[in-house]
Amino acid sequence: MRARSLTIALALCAACSGGTSAKSTPATDSLTERQRDSILAQSRIPGASGVGKAMRAADSTSARVRATDSVSP
């Protein structure tokens, strides 16, 4: 009985997926991922400030890596 329920649940999940990938975006989208993240970070959505903090941390790390790479021996 358990195997039958699991099979039915998996079949329903497969049928509902629609065959499209989660990363597909419309061809008319003109914003970059960074621009979308920046807009999101400025919104009042709960947790949006975390997006801004993550972007600042990534920028800081990238700047540090660039500075380290530019130092010549």
N, C-alpha and C. Protein backbone atom coordinates (compact mmCIF):
# COMPACT_ATOMS: atom_id res chain seq x y z
N MET A 1 0.82 -1.19 0.00
CA MET A 1 0.00 0.00 0.00
C MET A 1 0.88 1.26 0.00
N ARG A 2 1.96 1.22 0.78
CA ARG A 2 2.85 2.38 0.87
C ARG A 2 3.52 2.65 -0.47
N ALA A 3 3.95 1.60 -1.15
CA ALA A 3 4.60 1.75 -2.45
C ALA A 3 3.63 2.32 -3.48
N ARG A 4 2.39 1.91 -3.38
CA ARG A 4 1.37 2.40 -4.32
C ARG A 4 1.12 3.90 -4.11
N SER A 5 1.05 4.33 -2.85
CA SER A 5 0.86 5.75 -2.54
C SER A 5 2.04 6.57 -3.03
N LEU A 6 3.24 6.04 -2.83
CA LEU A 6 4.44 6.74 -3.27
C LEU A 6 4.46 6.87 -4.79
N THR A 7 4.08 5.82 -5.48
CA THR A 7 4.04 5.84 -6.94
C THR A 7 3.03 6.87 -7.44
N ILE A 8 1.88 6.93 -6.81
CA ILE A 8 0.85 7.91 -7.20
C ILE A 8 1.35 9.32 -6.94
N ALA A 9 1.99 9.55 -5.79
CA ALA A 9 2.50 10.88 -5.47
C ALA A 9 3.57 11.32 -6.47
N LEU A 10 4.47 10.41 -6.83
CA LEU A 10 5.51 10.74 -7.80
C LEU A 10 4.92 11.03 -9.18
N ALA A 11 3.89 10.25 -9.55
CA ALA A 11 3.24 10.48 -10.84
C ALA A 11 2.56 11.85 -10.87
N LEU A 12 1.94 12.24 -9.78
CA LEU A 12 1.29 13.55 -9.72
C LEU A 12 2.32 14.68 -9.79
N CYS A 13 3.44 14.50 -9.10
CA CYS A 13 4.50 15.53 -9.15
C CYS A 13 5.05 15.67 -10.56
N ALA A 14 5.26 14.55 -11.22
CA ALA A 14 5.79 14.58 -12.59
C ALA A 14 4.79 15.23 -13.54
N ALA A 15 3.51 14.97 -13.33
CA ALA A 15 2.48 15.54 -14.20
C ALA A 15 2.34 17.04 -13.99
N CYS A 16 2.57 17.50 -12.78
CA CYS A 16 2.42 18.92 -12.48
C CYS A 16 3.63 19.76 -12.86
N SER A 17 4.75 19.11 -13.12
CA SER A 17 5.96 19.86 -13.41
C SER A 17 5.88 20.60 -14.73
N GLY A 18 5.15 20.11 -15.68
CA GLY A 18 4.95 20.81 -16.94
C GLY A 18 6.12 20.73 -17.90
N GLY A 19 7.24 20.17 -17.49
CA GLY A 19 8.37 19.98 -18.39
C GLY A 19 9.21 21.23 -18.63
N THR A 20 8.94 22.34 -17.97
CA THR A 20 9.77 23.53 -18.14
C THR A 20 10.74 23.63 -16.99
N SER A 21 11.91 24.16 -17.28
CA SER A 21 12.90 24.29 -16.22
C SER A 21 12.59 25.52 -15.38
N ALA A 22 13.06 25.50 -14.15
CA ALA A 22 12.81 26.60 -13.22
C ALA A 22 13.62 27.83 -13.60
N LYS A 23 14.70 27.66 -14.34
CA LYS A 23 15.56 28.78 -14.68
C LYS A 23 15.18 29.47 -15.99
N SER A 24 14.11 28.98 -16.64
CA SER A 24 13.74 29.61 -17.91
C SER A 24 13.17 30.99 -17.64
N THR A 25 13.63 31.96 -18.40
CA THR A 25 13.16 33.34 -18.27
C THR A 25 12.60 33.79 -19.61
N PRO A 26 11.69 34.73 -19.57
CA PRO A 26 11.14 35.22 -20.83
C PRO A 26 12.22 35.88 -21.68
N ALA A 27 12.07 35.79 -22.99
CA ALA A 27 13.06 36.36 -23.90
C ALA A 27 13.06 37.88 -23.85
N THR A 28 12.01 38.49 -23.36
CA THR A 28 11.91 39.94 -23.34
C THR A 28 12.49 40.55 -22.06
N ASP A 29 13.03 39.74 -21.16
CA ASP A 29 13.58 40.25 -19.91
C ASP A 29 14.88 41.00 -20.20
N SER A 30 14.91 42.30 -19.91
CA SER A 30 16.07 43.10 -20.25
C SER A 30 16.94 43.41 -19.03
N LEU A 31 16.52 43.00 -17.84
CA LEU A 31 17.30 43.28 -16.64
C LEU A 31 18.28 42.14 -16.38
N THR A 32 19.46 42.51 -15.89
CA THR A 32 20.42 41.50 -15.50
C THR A 32 20.04 40.95 -14.13
N GLU A 33 20.67 39.86 -13.74
CA GLU A 33 20.37 39.28 -12.42
C GLU A 33 20.73 40.26 -11.31
N ARG A 34 21.83 40.99 -11.48
CA ARG A 34 22.24 41.96 -10.47
C ARG A 34 21.22 43.09 -10.35
N GLN A 35 20.69 43.55 -11.48
CA GLN A 35 19.68 44.61 -11.45
C GLN A 35 18.41 44.13 -10.75
N ARG A 36 18.00 42.90 -11.04
CA ARG A 36 16.81 42.36 -10.37
C ARG A 36 17.05 42.22 -8.88
N ASP A 37 18.25 41.75 -8.49
CA ASP A 37 18.56 41.60 -7.07
C ASP A 37 18.60 42.96 -6.38
N SER A 38 19.11 43.97 -7.07
CA SER A 38 19.16 45.31 -6.49
C SER A 38 17.76 45.86 -6.26
N ILE A 39 16.88 45.65 -7.22
CA ILE A 39 15.49 46.09 -7.06
C ILE A 39 14.84 45.35 -5.89
N LEU A 40 15.10 44.06 -5.80
CA LEU A 40 14.55 43.26 -4.72
C LEU A 40 15.07 43.74 -3.37
N ALA A 41 16.36 44.05 -3.30
CA ALA A 41 16.96 44.49 -2.04
C ALA A 41 16.35 45.80 -1.54
N GLN A 42 15.86 46.63 -2.45
CA GLN A 42 15.27 47.90 -2.06
C GLN A 42 13.79 47.80 -1.75
N SER A 43 13.20 46.63 -1.94
CA SER A 43 11.77 46.47 -1.69
C SER A 43 11.50 46.24 -0.21
N ARG A 44 10.23 46.21 0.13
CA ARG A 44 9.82 46.02 1.52
C ARG A 44 9.43 44.57 1.80
N ILE A 45 9.80 43.66 0.91
CA ILE A 45 9.51 42.25 1.09
C ILE A 45 10.33 41.72 2.26
N PRO A 46 9.72 40.90 3.13
CA PRO A 46 10.48 40.35 4.25
C PRO A 46 11.69 39.56 3.76
N GLY A 47 12.84 39.86 4.32
CA GLY A 47 14.07 39.18 3.93
C GLY A 47 14.81 39.87 2.80
N ALA A 48 14.23 40.91 2.23
CA ALA A 48 14.87 41.60 1.11
C ALA A 48 16.17 42.28 1.53
N SER A 49 16.24 42.73 2.76
CA SER A 49 17.47 43.38 3.21
C SER A 49 18.63 42.40 3.20
N GLY A 50 18.34 41.12 3.39
CA GLY A 50 19.39 40.10 3.33
C GLY A 50 20.01 39.99 1.95
N VAL A 51 19.21 40.25 0.92
CA VAL A 51 19.73 40.23 -0.45
C VAL A 51 20.74 41.35 -0.62
N GLY A 52 20.41 42.53 -0.10
CA GLY A 52 21.34 43.65 -0.19
C GLY A 52 22.62 43.40 0.58
N LYS A 53 22.50 42.80 1.77
CA LYS A 53 23.69 42.49 2.57
C LYS A 53 24.56 41.46 1.86
N ALA A 54 23.94 40.47 1.24
CA ALA A 54 24.69 39.45 0.50
C ALA A 54 25.40 40.07 -0.69
N MET A 55 24.75 41.01 -1.37
CA MET A 55 25.38 41.67 -2.51
C MET A 55 26.58 42.49 -2.05
N ARG A 56 26.45 43.21 -0.93
CA ARG A 56 27.57 43.99 -0.41
C ARG A 56 28.73 43.08 0.01
N ALA A 57 28.42 41.95 0.63
CA ALA A 57 29.46 41.01 1.03
C ALA A 57 30.18 40.44 -0.19
N ALA A 58 29.42 40.12 -1.22
CA ALA A 58 30.04 39.59 -2.46
C ALA A 58 30.91 40.65 -3.12
N ASP A 59 30.44 41.90 -3.12
CA ASP A 59 31.24 42.99 -3.70
C ASP A 59 32.53 43.19 -2.91
N SER A 60 32.43 43.12 -1.60
CA SER A 60 33.60 43.30 -0.75
C SER A 60 34.62 42.18 -0.99
N THR A 61 34.12 40.96 -1.08
CA THR A 61 35.01 39.83 -1.32
C THR A 61 35.66 39.93 -2.70
N SER A 62 34.90 40.34 -3.69
CA SER A 62 35.45 40.49 -5.04
C SER A 62 36.53 41.56 -5.07
N ALA A 63 36.29 42.66 -4.37
CA ALA A 63 37.27 43.74 -4.32
C ALA A 63 38.55 43.27 -3.63
N ARG A 64 38.39 42.50 -2.56
CA ARG A 64 39.54 41.97 -1.85
C ARG A 64 40.34 41.02 -2.72
N VAL A 65 39.66 40.18 -3.47
CA VAL A 65 40.35 39.24 -4.36
C VAL A 65 41.09 40.00 -5.46
N ARG A 66 40.43 41.02 -6.05
CA ARG A 66 41.10 41.82 -7.08
C ARG A 66 42.34 42.51 -6.52
N ALA A 67 42.23 43.03 -5.29
CA ALA A 67 43.37 43.71 -4.69
C ALA A 67 44.51 42.73 -4.43
N THR A 68 44.20 41.53 -4.01
CA THR A 68 45.21 40.52 -3.76
C THR A 68 45.86 40.07 -5.07
N ASP A 69 45.06 39.93 -6.11
CA ASP A 69 45.60 39.50 -7.40
C ASP A 69 46.48 40.56 -8.04
N SER A 70 46.24 41.83 -7.73
CA SER A 70 47.01 42.89 -8.37
C SER A 70 48.36 43.15 -7.69
N VAL A 71 48.59 42.55 -6.55
CA VAL A 71 49.86 42.74 -5.85
C VAL A 71 50.91 41.89 -6.56
N SER A 72 51.98 42.53 -6.99
CA SER A 72 53.04 41.78 -7.68
C SER A 72 54.20 41.55 -6.71
N PRO A 73 54.86 40.41 -6.83
CA PRO A 73 55.96 40.07 -5.90
C PRO A 73 57.20 40.88 -6.09
